Amino acid sequence: METFHELPFFTNLLILLVAARLLGEVLERFRQPAMIGEILAGILLGPSLLNLIHRTEEIKVISELGIFLLVIRAGLEINIDDILRSLKGRNIIISITAFTIPILSGIAVGMGFGQDLPSTPFYWTLCGHHRPPREHSNPHGPAQDQHRRRSTNYFGRHF
């Protein structure tokens, strides 16, 4: 049986923060969100791969706080006017369908893996549909291209 020397909490936290920042910067160089690098740092250093950082109660509390802040940040970035504008006409049916299908699929996948209902939100996100950004060739330059990419919905309609 292997014994592990447990590092102090702040040392673990410092290692995680530095690795998260470094991997976040690396992924930003590849035009990917820094958040992916930060999550990969946790997976890499945690018990899943290298087992350098052990799951202690303090690390668990900090990680749950980080998830909470991530959800709050995502909520603050939502533009209410865009949501209200998208609820006109048949868009409401499309929106409700696009919301319920991943949830129901995630519940089915989670139950298929023997998870209980409170454990299935992770599978909801895996079953959600996310489209990659499309490249537009715009003769007016990349600034107009950026504007078009942000203001085009899934079906190519501008709003």
N, C-alpha and C. Protein backbone atom coordinates (compact mmCIF):
# COMPACT_ATOMS: atom_id res chain seq x y z
N MET A 1 0.84 -1.18 0.00
CA MET A 1 0.00 0.00 0.00
C MET A 1 0.89 1.24 0.00
N GLU A 2 0.63 2.12 -0.97
CA GLU A 2 1.43 3.33 -1.08
C GLU A 2 0.93 4.38 -0.09
N THR A 3 1.86 5.11 0.47
CA THR A 3 1.50 6.24 1.32
C THR A 3 1.90 7.52 0.61
N PHE A 4 1.06 8.51 0.72
CA PHE A 4 1.31 9.78 0.07
C PHE A 4 1.60 10.84 1.11
N HIS A 5 2.56 11.68 0.80
CA HIS A 5 2.84 12.82 1.66
C HIS A 5 1.91 13.94 1.24
N GLU A 6 1.04 14.36 2.13
CA GLU A 6 0.06 15.40 1.82
C GLU A 6 0.71 16.77 1.95
N LEU A 7 0.63 17.57 0.89
CA LEU A 7 1.15 18.94 0.92
C LEU A 7 0.18 19.84 1.67
N PRO A 8 0.67 20.94 2.23
CA PRO A 8 -0.25 21.88 2.90
C PRO A 8 -1.28 22.44 1.91
N PHE A 9 -2.40 22.86 2.44
CA PHE A 9 -3.50 23.34 1.61
C PHE A 9 -3.08 24.47 0.68
N PHE A 10 -2.39 25.48 1.21
CA PHE A 10 -2.04 26.63 0.37
C PHE A 10 -1.01 26.26 -0.70
N THR A 11 -0.19 25.28 -0.44
CA THR A 11 0.74 24.80 -1.46
C THR A 11 -0.04 24.12 -2.59
N ASN A 12 -0.99 23.29 -2.22
CA ASN A 12 -1.86 22.65 -3.23
C ASN A 12 -2.61 23.70 -4.04
N LEU A 13 -3.15 24.70 -3.35
CA LEU A 13 -3.90 25.74 -4.03
C LEU A 13 -3.01 26.54 -4.98
N LEU A 14 -1.80 26.85 -4.54
CA LEU A 14 -0.86 27.58 -5.39
C LEU A 14 -0.49 26.76 -6.63
N ILE A 15 -0.22 25.49 -6.45
CA ILE A 15 0.11 24.62 -7.58
C ILE A 15 -1.05 24.58 -8.57
N LEU A 16 -2.27 24.43 -8.05
CA LEU A 16 -3.45 24.40 -8.93
C LEU A 16 -3.64 25.72 -9.67
N LEU A 17 -3.50 26.83 -8.97
CA LEU A 17 -3.69 28.13 -9.61
C LEU A 17 -2.65 28.40 -10.69
N VAL A 18 -1.40 28.08 -10.42
CA VAL A 18 -0.34 28.30 -11.41
C VAL A 18 -0.55 27.41 -12.63
N ALA A 19 -0.86 26.14 -12.39
CA ALA A 19 -1.09 25.22 -13.51
C ALA A 19 -2.31 25.63 -14.31
N ALA A 20 -3.36 26.07 -13.62
CA ALA A 20 -4.57 26.51 -14.32
C ALA A 20 -4.28 27.73 -15.18
N ARG A 21 -3.52 28.66 -14.64
CA ARG A 21 -3.19 29.86 -15.40
C ARG A 21 -2.33 29.53 -16.63
N LEU A 22 -1.33 28.66 -16.43
CA LEU A 22 -0.45 28.29 -17.54
C LEU A 22 -1.21 27.56 -18.64
N LEU A 23 -2.00 26.56 -18.26
CA LEU A 23 -2.75 25.83 -19.29
C LEU A 23 -3.82 26.71 -19.93
N GLY A 24 -4.38 27.63 -19.16
CA GLY A 24 -5.35 28.57 -19.73
C GLY A 24 -4.70 29.45 -20.79
N GLU A 25 -3.50 29.94 -20.50
CA GLU A 25 -2.78 30.78 -21.46
C GLU A 25 -2.42 29.99 -22.72
N VAL A 26 -2.00 28.74 -22.53
CA VAL A 26 -1.64 27.89 -23.68
C VAL A 26 -2.85 27.69 -24.58
N LEU A 27 -3.99 27.38 -23.99
CA LEU A 27 -5.17 27.16 -24.81
C LEU A 27 -5.68 28.43 -25.47
N GLU A 28 -5.50 29.58 -24.82
CA GLU A 28 -5.87 30.84 -25.46
C GLU A 28 -5.03 31.10 -26.71
N ARG A 29 -3.78 30.65 -26.70
CA ARG A 29 -2.92 30.80 -27.88
C ARG A 29 -3.47 30.00 -29.05
N PHE A 30 -4.21 28.92 -28.75
CA PHE A 30 -4.84 28.10 -29.79
C PHE A 30 -6.28 28.52 -30.03
N ARG A 31 -6.62 29.73 -29.57
CA ARG A 31 -7.97 30.30 -29.74
C ARG A 31 -9.05 29.45 -29.09
N GLN A 32 -8.74 28.91 -27.95
CA GLN A 32 -9.70 28.14 -27.15
C GLN A 32 -9.92 28.91 -25.84
N PRO A 33 -11.08 28.71 -25.21
CA PRO A 33 -11.32 29.39 -23.94
C PRO A 33 -10.31 28.97 -22.88
N ALA A 34 -9.86 29.92 -22.09
CA ALA A 34 -8.91 29.63 -21.01
C ALA A 34 -9.52 28.67 -20.00
N MET A 35 -10.82 28.70 -19.87
CA MET A 35 -11.51 27.84 -18.91
C MET A 35 -11.23 26.36 -19.19
N ILE A 36 -11.09 26.00 -20.44
CA ILE A 36 -10.79 24.60 -20.78
C ILE A 36 -9.43 24.21 -20.21
N GLY A 37 -8.45 25.08 -20.36
CA GLY A 37 -7.13 24.81 -19.80
C GLY A 37 -7.15 24.74 -18.29
N GLU A 38 -7.95 25.58 -17.66
CA GLU A 38 -8.05 25.57 -16.21
C GLU A 38 -8.68 24.27 -15.72
N ILE A 39 -9.69 23.81 -16.40
CA ILE A 39 -10.33 22.54 -16.03
C ILE A 39 -9.36 21.38 -16.28
N LEU A 40 -8.65 21.44 -17.40
CA LEU A 40 -7.67 20.38 -17.69
C LEU A 40 -6.56 20.33 -16.64
N ALA A 41 -6.19 21.49 -16.10
CA ALA A 41 -5.16 21.51 -15.05
C ALA A 41 -5.64 20.75 -13.83
N GLY A 42 -6.89 20.94 -13.45
CA GLY A 42 -7.44 20.22 -12.32
C GLY A 42 -7.50 18.72 -12.56
N ILE A 43 -7.88 18.34 -13.78
CA ILE A 43 -7.95 16.92 -14.11
C ILE A 43 -6.54 16.32 -14.14
N LEU A 44 -5.60 17.05 -14.71
CA LEU A 44 -4.23 16.57 -14.84
C LEU A 44 -3.57 16.38 -13.47
N LEU A 45 -3.70 17.36 -12.59
CA LEU A 45 -3.02 17.31 -11.30
C LEU A 45 -3.78 16.51 -10.24
N GLY A 46 -5.06 16.32 -10.45
CA GLY A 46 -5.89 15.65 -9.45
C GLY A 46 -5.76 14.14 -9.49
N PRO A 47 -6.62 13.47 -8.72
CA PRO A 47 -6.53 12.01 -8.61
C PRO A 47 -6.84 11.26 -9.90
N SER A 48 -7.40 11.96 -10.89
CA SER A 48 -7.74 11.28 -12.15
C SER A 48 -6.51 10.86 -12.93
N LEU A 49 -5.45 11.68 -12.93
CA LEU A 49 -4.26 11.36 -13.72
C LEU A 49 -2.99 11.29 -12.88
N LEU A 50 -2.42 12.43 -12.54
CA LEU A 50 -1.12 12.43 -11.86
C LEU A 50 -1.20 12.23 -10.35
N ASN A 51 -2.34 12.47 -9.77
CA ASN A 51 -2.58 12.29 -8.34
C ASN A 51 -1.62 13.13 -7.48
N LEU A 52 -1.28 14.34 -7.96
CA LEU A 52 -0.42 15.22 -7.18
C LEU A 52 -1.22 15.98 -6.12
N ILE A 53 -2.45 16.31 -6.46
CA ILE A 53 -3.33 17.03 -5.53
C ILE A 53 -4.42 16.04 -5.10
N HIS A 54 -4.51 15.82 -3.80
CA HIS A 54 -5.49 14.87 -3.28
C HIS A 54 -6.77 15.60 -2.92
N ARG A 55 -7.85 14.89 -2.98
CA ARG A 55 -9.16 15.48 -2.70
C ARG A 55 -9.37 15.57 -1.19
N THR A 56 -9.05 16.73 -0.65
CA THR A 56 -9.29 16.99 0.76
C THR A 56 -10.57 17.80 0.91
N GLU A 57 -11.02 17.96 2.10
CA GLU A 57 -12.25 18.72 2.33
C GLU A 57 -12.07 20.18 1.91
N GLU A 58 -10.89 20.74 2.16
CA GLU A 58 -10.64 22.13 1.77
C GLU A 58 -10.66 22.30 0.25
N ILE A 59 -10.02 21.39 -0.45
CA ILE A 59 -9.99 21.46 -1.93
C ILE A 59 -11.41 21.27 -2.47
N LYS A 60 -12.18 20.40 -1.85
CA LYS A 60 -13.56 20.16 -2.28
C LYS A 60 -14.39 21.44 -2.13
N VAL A 61 -14.24 22.14 -1.03
CA VAL A 61 -14.98 23.39 -0.80
C VAL A 61 -14.57 24.45 -1.82
N ILE A 62 -13.28 24.59 -2.06
CA ILE A 62 -12.80 25.58 -3.03
C ILE A 62 -13.30 25.24 -4.43
N SER A 63 -13.29 23.97 -4.80
CA SER A 63 -13.75 23.59 -6.15
C SER A 63 -15.25 23.84 -6.30
N GLU A 64 -16.04 23.57 -5.28
CA GLU A 64 -17.48 23.84 -5.36
C GLU A 64 -17.75 25.34 -5.42
N LEU A 65 -16.95 26.12 -4.70
CA LEU A 65 -17.08 27.58 -4.77
C LEU A 65 -16.74 28.07 -6.18
N GLY A 66 -15.72 27.48 -6.79
CA GLY A 66 -15.35 27.85 -8.15
C GLY A 66 -16.46 27.54 -9.15
N ILE A 67 -17.10 26.40 -9.00
CA ILE A 67 -18.21 26.05 -9.88
C ILE A 67 -19.37 27.03 -9.68
N PHE A 68 -19.65 27.37 -8.43
CA PHE A 68 -20.71 28.33 -8.14
C PHE A 68 -20.43 29.67 -8.80
N LEU A 69 -19.20 30.17 -8.68
CA LEU A 69 -18.84 31.45 -9.29
C LEU A 69 -18.88 31.39 -10.82
N LEU A 70 -18.54 30.24 -11.38
CA LEU A 70 -18.61 30.06 -12.83
C LEU A 70 -20.06 30.18 -13.31
N VAL A 71 -20.98 29.58 -12.59
CA VAL A 71 -22.39 29.65 -12.96
C VAL A 71 -22.91 31.08 -12.81
N ILE A 72 -22.50 31.76 -11.74
CA ILE A 72 -22.90 33.16 -11.55
C ILE A 72 -22.37 34.02 -12.70
N ARG A 73 -21.12 33.82 -13.08
CA ARG A 73 -20.52 34.60 -14.18
C ARG A 73 -21.27 34.36 -15.49
N ALA A 74 -21.62 33.11 -15.75
CA ALA A 74 -22.36 32.80 -16.97
C ALA A 74 -23.73 33.48 -16.94
N GLY A 75 -24.35 33.51 -15.78
CA GLY A 75 -25.64 34.17 -15.67
C GLY A 75 -25.56 35.67 -15.88
N LEU A 76 -24.47 36.28 -15.46
CA LEU A 76 -24.30 37.72 -15.64
C LEU A 76 -24.05 38.09 -17.09
N GLU A 77 -23.57 37.15 -17.89
CA GLU A 77 -23.29 37.44 -19.30
C GLU A 77 -24.52 37.29 -20.19
N ILE A 78 -25.62 36.84 -19.63
CA ILE A 78 -26.84 36.66 -20.41
C ILE A 78 -27.46 38.03 -20.68
N ASN A 79 -27.83 38.27 -21.93
CA ASN A 79 -28.49 39.50 -22.33
C ASN A 79 -29.99 39.24 -22.38
N ILE A 80 -30.73 39.85 -21.48
CA ILE A 80 -32.17 39.62 -21.37
C ILE A 80 -32.90 40.07 -22.63
N ASP A 81 -32.46 41.17 -23.25
CA ASP A 81 -33.12 41.64 -24.48
C ASP A 81 -33.04 40.61 -25.59
N ASP A 82 -31.89 39.95 -25.71
CA ASP A 82 -31.76 38.89 -26.73
C ASP A 82 -32.70 37.73 -26.44
N ILE A 83 -32.85 37.38 -25.18
CA ILE A 83 -33.75 36.28 -24.82
C ILE A 83 -35.18 36.66 -25.15
N LEU A 84 -35.60 37.85 -24.77
CA LEU A 84 -36.98 38.27 -25.05
C LEU A 84 -37.24 38.37 -26.55
N ARG A 85 -36.26 38.85 -27.30
CA ARG A 85 -36.41 38.95 -28.75
C ARG A 85 -36.52 37.57 -29.39
N SER A 86 -35.81 36.59 -28.83
CA SER A 86 -35.83 35.25 -29.42
C SER A 86 -37.09 34.47 -29.08
N LEU A 87 -37.90 34.97 -28.17
CA LEU A 87 -39.12 34.26 -27.77
C LEU A 87 -40.31 34.59 -28.65
N LYS A 88 -40.10 35.29 -29.73
CA LYS A 88 -41.21 35.66 -30.61
C LYS A 88 -41.43 34.58 -31.66
N GLY A 89 -42.69 34.35 -32.00
CA GLY A 89 -43.04 33.41 -33.06
C GLY A 89 -42.72 31.97 -32.71
N ARG A 90 -42.25 31.23 -33.68
CA ARG A 90 -41.98 29.82 -33.47
C ARG A 90 -40.66 29.57 -32.73
N ASN A 91 -39.91 30.63 -32.49
CA ASN A 91 -38.65 30.48 -31.77
C ASN A 91 -38.86 29.92 -30.37
N ILE A 92 -40.01 30.20 -29.75
CA ILE A 92 -40.27 29.69 -28.41
C ILE A 92 -40.35 28.17 -28.42
N ILE A 93 -40.94 27.60 -29.47
CA ILE A 93 -41.03 26.13 -29.57
C ILE A 93 -39.64 25.54 -29.76
N ILE A 94 -38.86 26.17 -30.61
CA ILE A 94 -37.49 25.71 -30.84
C ILE A 94 -36.67 25.82 -29.55
N SER A 95 -36.83 26.91 -28.83
CA SER A 95 -36.08 27.11 -27.58
C SER A 95 -36.44 26.07 -26.54
N ILE A 96 -37.73 25.82 -26.36
CA ILE A 96 -38.16 24.83 -25.37
C ILE A 96 -37.68 23.44 -25.76
N THR A 97 -37.76 23.12 -27.04
CA THR A 97 -37.29 21.81 -27.51
C THR A 97 -35.78 21.67 -27.32
N ALA A 98 -35.04 22.72 -27.65
CA ALA A 98 -33.59 22.68 -27.51
C ALA A 98 -33.17 22.60 -26.05
N PHE A 99 -34.04 23.00 -25.15
CA PHE A 99 -33.75 22.92 -23.72
C PHE A 99 -34.12 21.55 -23.14
N THR A 100 -35.27 21.02 -23.56
CA THR A 100 -35.75 19.78 -22.94
C THR A 100 -35.09 18.52 -23.50
N ILE A 101 -34.76 18.50 -24.77
CA ILE A 101 -34.15 17.29 -25.34
C ILE A 101 -32.82 16.95 -24.68
N PRO A 102 -31.89 17.90 -24.47
CA PRO A 102 -30.65 17.54 -23.77
C PRO A 102 -30.89 17.09 -22.33
N ILE A 103 -31.86 17.71 -21.66
CA ILE A 103 -32.14 17.30 -20.27
C ILE A 103 -32.67 15.87 -20.24
N LEU A 104 -33.64 15.57 -21.08
CA LEU A 104 -34.20 14.22 -21.10
C LEU A 104 -33.16 13.20 -21.56
N SER A 105 -32.35 13.58 -22.55
CA SER A 105 -31.28 12.67 -23.01
C SER A 105 -30.25 12.45 -21.91
N GLY A 106 -29.91 13.52 -21.21
CA GLY A 106 -28.94 13.40 -20.11
C GLY A 106 -29.45 12.51 -18.99
N ILE A 107 -30.73 12.65 -18.67
CA ILE A 107 -31.32 11.78 -17.65
C ILE A 107 -31.27 10.34 -18.10
N ALA A 108 -31.61 10.09 -19.37
CA ALA A 108 -31.58 8.72 -19.89
C ALA A 108 -30.17 8.14 -19.86
N VAL A 109 -29.18 8.94 -20.28
CA VAL A 109 -27.79 8.46 -20.27
C VAL A 109 -27.32 8.21 -18.85
N GLY A 110 -27.63 9.15 -17.95
CA GLY A 110 -27.24 8.99 -16.55
C GLY A 110 -27.86 7.76 -15.92
N MET A 111 -29.13 7.56 -16.16
CA MET A 111 -29.81 6.36 -15.63
C MET A 111 -29.24 5.10 -16.26
N GLY A 112 -28.86 5.20 -17.54
CA GLY A 112 -28.25 4.06 -18.21
C GLY A 112 -26.92 3.67 -17.59
N PHE A 113 -26.21 4.66 -17.04
CA PHE A 113 -24.95 4.38 -16.35
C PHE A 113 -25.16 4.10 -14.87
N GLY A 114 -26.41 3.98 -14.44
CA GLY A 114 -26.70 3.62 -13.06
C GLY A 114 -26.62 4.79 -12.09
N GLN A 115 -26.69 6.02 -12.58
CA GLN A 115 -26.63 7.19 -11.71
C GLN A 115 -28.04 7.52 -11.21
N ASP A 116 -28.11 8.12 -10.03
CA ASP A 116 -29.40 8.59 -9.55
C ASP A 116 -29.69 9.96 -10.18
N LEU A 117 -30.92 10.41 -10.06
CA LEU A 117 -31.36 11.63 -10.74
C LEU A 117 -30.53 12.86 -10.40
N PRO A 118 -30.17 13.11 -9.13
CA PRO A 118 -29.35 14.30 -8.84
C PRO A 118 -27.95 14.26 -9.47
N SER A 119 -27.48 13.11 -9.88
CA SER A 119 -26.15 13.01 -10.49
C SER A 119 -26.17 13.21 -12.00
N THR A 120 -27.33 13.33 -12.59
CA THR A 120 -27.41 13.38 -14.05
C THR A 120 -27.18 14.74 -14.71
N PRO A 121 -27.15 15.88 -14.00
CA PRO A 121 -26.90 17.15 -14.72
C PRO A 121 -25.60 17.16 -15.52
N PHE A 122 -24.58 16.44 -15.08
CA PHE A 122 -23.35 16.35 -15.85
C PHE A 122 -23.63 15.78 -17.24
N TYR A 123 -24.48 14.77 -17.29
CA TYR A 123 -24.81 14.16 -18.58
C TYR A 123 -25.67 15.08 -19.43
N TRP A 124 -26.47 15.97 -18.79
CA TRP A 124 -27.26 16.93 -19.55
C TRP A 124 -26.35 17.80 -20.39
N THR A 125 -25.24 18.24 -19.78
CA THR A 125 -24.34 19.12 -20.53
C THR A 125 -23.65 18.38 -21.65
N LEU A 126 -23.39 17.10 -21.46
CA LEU A 126 -22.76 16.33 -22.53
C LEU A 126 -23.71 16.12 -23.70
N CYS A 127 -25.00 16.01 -23.40
CA CYS A 127 -25.98 15.78 -24.46
C CYS A 127 -26.45 17.08 -25.11
N GLY A 128 -26.07 18.22 -24.55
CA GLY A 128 -26.49 19.50 -25.12
C GLY A 128 -25.85 19.72 -26.48
N HIS A 129 -26.54 20.45 -27.32
CA HIS A 129 -26.04 20.70 -28.67
C HIS A 129 -25.30 22.03 -28.67
N HIS A 130 -24.05 21.97 -29.07
CA HIS A 130 -23.24 23.18 -29.18
C HIS A 130 -22.65 23.20 -30.57
N ARG A 131 -22.93 24.27 -31.30
CA ARG A 131 -22.39 24.34 -32.65
C ARG A 131 -21.07 25.07 -32.63
N PRO A 132 -20.11 24.62 -33.43
CA PRO A 132 -18.84 25.35 -33.51
C PRO A 132 -19.03 26.64 -34.29
N PRO A 133 -18.21 27.65 -34.02
CA PRO A 133 -18.35 28.90 -34.77
C PRO A 133 -18.01 28.67 -36.23
N ARG A 134 -18.80 29.29 -37.09
CA ARG A 134 -18.56 29.15 -38.52
C ARG A 134 -17.66 30.27 -38.99
N GLU A 135 -16.85 29.96 -39.97
CA GLU A 135 -15.99 30.97 -40.58
C GLU A 135 -16.75 31.60 -41.74
N HIS A 136 -16.77 32.91 -41.77
CA HIS A 136 -17.42 33.64 -42.86
C HIS A 136 -16.34 34.32 -43.69
N SER A 137 -16.53 34.32 -44.97
CA SER A 137 -15.62 35.11 -45.81
C SER A 137 -16.36 36.40 -46.13
N ASN A 138 -15.94 37.48 -45.52
CA ASN A 138 -16.60 38.76 -45.66
C ASN A 138 -15.66 39.73 -46.33
N PRO A 139 -16.07 40.34 -47.45
CA PRO A 139 -15.19 41.29 -48.14
C PRO A 139 -14.96 42.58 -47.36
N HIS A 140 -15.76 42.82 -46.29
CA HIS A 140 -15.63 44.05 -45.52
C HIS A 140 -14.65 43.91 -44.37
N GLY A 141 -13.97 42.79 -44.26
CA GLY A 141 -12.93 42.63 -43.25
C GLY A 141 -13.37 41.84 -42.04
N PRO A 142 -12.40 41.53 -41.17
CA PRO A 142 -12.68 40.68 -40.02
C PRO A 142 -13.59 41.34 -38.98
N ALA A 143 -13.62 42.68 -38.90
CA ALA A 143 -14.49 43.32 -37.91
C ALA A 143 -15.96 43.05 -38.25
N GLN A 144 -16.30 43.18 -39.53
CA GLN A 144 -17.68 42.87 -39.95
C GLN A 144 -17.96 41.39 -39.79
N ASP A 145 -16.95 40.58 -40.03
CA ASP A 145 -17.08 39.13 -39.88
C ASP A 145 -17.42 38.79 -38.43
N GLN A 146 -16.73 39.43 -37.47
CA GLN A 146 -16.99 39.19 -36.05
C GLN A 146 -18.43 39.58 -35.71
N HIS A 147 -18.88 40.73 -36.22
CA HIS A 147 -20.24 41.18 -35.94
C HIS A 147 -21.26 40.18 -36.49
N ARG A 148 -21.04 39.70 -37.69
CA ARG A 148 -21.97 38.75 -38.29
C ARG A 148 -22.02 37.46 -37.50
N ARG A 149 -20.88 36.97 -37.03
CA ARG A 149 -20.83 35.71 -36.29
C ARG A 149 -21.61 35.83 -34.98
N ARG A 150 -21.53 37.00 -34.33
CA ARG A 150 -22.23 37.16 -33.06
C ARG A 150 -23.71 37.33 -33.24
N SER A 151 -24.16 37.87 -34.36
CA SER A 151 -25.56 38.19 -34.51
C SER A 151 -26.31 37.19 -35.38
N THR A 152 -25.76 36.02 -35.60
CA THR A 152 -26.41 35.00 -36.41
C THR A 152 -26.81 33.85 -35.51
N ASN A 153 -28.08 33.45 -35.59
CA ASN A 153 -28.50 32.33 -34.77
C ASN A 153 -28.17 31.02 -35.47
N TYR A 154 -28.60 29.92 -34.89
CA TYR A 154 -28.23 28.60 -35.37
C TYR A 154 -28.66 28.36 -36.82
N PHE A 155 -29.77 28.95 -37.21
CA PHE A 155 -30.30 28.70 -38.55
C PHE A 155 -29.78 29.69 -39.56
N GLY A 156 -28.84 30.56 -39.18
CA GLY A 156 -28.24 31.48 -40.13
C GLY A 156 -29.01 32.78 -40.26
N ARG A 157 -30.07 32.96 -39.47
CA ARG A 157 -30.85 34.18 -39.54
C ARG A 157 -30.22 35.22 -38.63
N HIS A 158 -30.24 36.46 -39.07
CA HIS A 158 -29.69 37.54 -38.27
C HIS A 158 -30.78 38.07 -37.34
N PHE A 159 -30.40 38.42 -36.15
CA PHE A 159 -31.34 39.02 -35.22
C PHE A 159 -30.73 40.23 -34.56
